[in-house]
Amino acid sequence: MITGDKLLQTFDYLEVAEFSAKSIVLGTSLGNMVPINDNQVEELRKKFLA
């Protein structure tokens, strides 16, 4: 179930959820998923959000 304050916002949330699920399913053909650690997340934040 997806909810939002406005119809367009709710649709955006649905699109993100759908794309994320599809990426996970299709990504399994590349191998097992390897989660990144907190340090790697912080490096990405500094690189792309700073």
C-alpha atoms as a PDB file:
ATOM      1  CA  MET A   1       0.000   0.000   0.000  1.00  0.00           C
ATOM      2  CA  ILE A   2       1.326   3.401  -0.945  1.00  0.00           C
ATOM      3  CA  THR A   3      -0.039   6.692   0.331  1.00  0.00           C
ATOM      4  CA  GLY A   4       0.813  10.344  -0.115  1.00  0.00           C
ATOM      5  CA  ASP A   5      -0.528  13.806   0.552  1.00  0.00           C
ATOM      6  CA  LYS A   6      -1.377  14.368  -3.107  1.00  0.00           C
ATOM      7  CA  LEU A   7      -2.201  12.049  -5.996  1.00  0.00           C
ATOM      8  CA  LEU A   8       0.940  12.937  -7.950  1.00  0.00           C
ATOM      9  CA  GLN A   9       3.165  12.403  -4.897  1.00  0.00           C
ATOM     10  CA  THR A  10       1.558   8.992  -4.305  1.00  0.00           C
ATOM     11  CA  PHE A  11       2.120   8.030  -7.942  1.00  0.00           C
ATOM     12  CA  ASP A  12       5.787   9.087  -7.656  1.00  0.00           C
ATOM     13  CA  TYR A  13       6.206   6.857  -4.588  1.00  0.00           C
ATOM     14  CA  LEU A  14       4.623   3.971  -6.493  1.00  0.00           C
ATOM     15  CA  GLU A  15       6.974   4.459  -9.446  1.00  0.00           C
ATOM     16  CA  VAL A  16      10.025   4.448  -7.166  1.00  0.00           C
ATOM     17  CA  ALA A  17       8.831   1.271  -5.419  1.00  0.00           C
ATOM     18  CA  GLU A  18       8.154  -0.433  -8.754  1.00  0.00           C
ATOM     19  CA  PHE A  19      11.538   0.531 -10.200  1.00  0.00           C
ATOM     20  CA  SER A  20      13.348  -0.580  -7.037  1.00  0.00           C
ATOM     21  CA  ALA A  21      11.616  -3.960  -7.041  1.00  0.00           C
ATOM     22  CA  LYS A  22      12.327  -4.455 -10.746  1.00  0.00           C
ATOM     23  CA  SER A  23      15.999  -3.565 -10.227  1.00  0.00           C
ATOM     24  CA  ILE A  24      16.342  -6.119  -7.450  1.00  0.00           C
ATOM     25  CA  VAL A  25      14.677  -8.860  -9.501  1.00  0.00           C
ATOM     26  CA  LEU A  26      16.682  -8.157 -12.660  1.00  0.00           C
ATOM     27  CA  GLY A  27      19.886  -7.652 -10.688  1.00  0.00           C
ATOM     28  CA  THR A  28      19.886 -11.232  -9.447  1.00  0.00           C
ATOM     29  CA  SER A  29      21.114 -12.309 -12.888  1.00  0.00           C
ATOM     30  CA  LEU A  30      24.350 -10.435 -12.117  1.00  0.00           C
ATOM     31  CA  GLY A  31      24.947 -12.285  -8.844  1.00  0.00           C
ATOM     32  CA  ASN A  32      24.183 -11.918  -5.173  1.00  0.00           C
ATOM     33  CA  MET A  33      23.511  -8.493  -3.740  1.00  0.00           C
ATOM     34  CA  VAL A  34      26.323  -7.119  -1.583  1.00  0.00           C
ATOM     35  CA  PRO A  35      25.186  -4.353   0.763  1.00  0.00           C
ATOM     36  CA  ILE A  36      27.445  -1.349   1.240  1.00  0.00           C
ATOM     37  CA  ASN A  37      28.548  -0.287   4.700  1.00  0.00           C
ATOM     38  CA  ASP A  38      27.974   3.038   6.467  1.00  0.00           C
ATOM     39  CA  ASN A  39      31.375   4.410   5.447  1.00  0.00           C
ATOM     40  CA  GLN A  40      30.639   3.752   1.780  1.00  0.00           C
ATOM     41  CA  VAL A  41      27.241   5.440   2.119  1.00  0.00           C
ATOM     42  CA  GLU A  42      28.915   8.487   3.655  1.00  0.00           C
ATOM     43  CA  GLU A  43      31.483   8.611   0.826  1.00  0.00           C
ATOM     44  CA  LEU A  44      28.645   8.605  -1.724  1.00  0.00           C
ATOM     45  CA  ARG A  45      26.854  11.387   0.152  1.00  0.00           C
ATOM     46  CA  LYS A  46      29.968  13.531   0.188  1.00  0.00           C
ATOM     47  CA  LYS A  47      30.636  12.914  -3.488  1.00  0.00           C
ATOM     48  CA  PHE A  48      27.143  13.446  -4.880  1.00  0.00           C
ATOM     49  CA  LEU A  49      25.228  15.523  -2.320  1.00  0.00           C
ATOM     50  CA  ALA A  50      27.891  18.009  -1.271  1.00  0.00           C
END
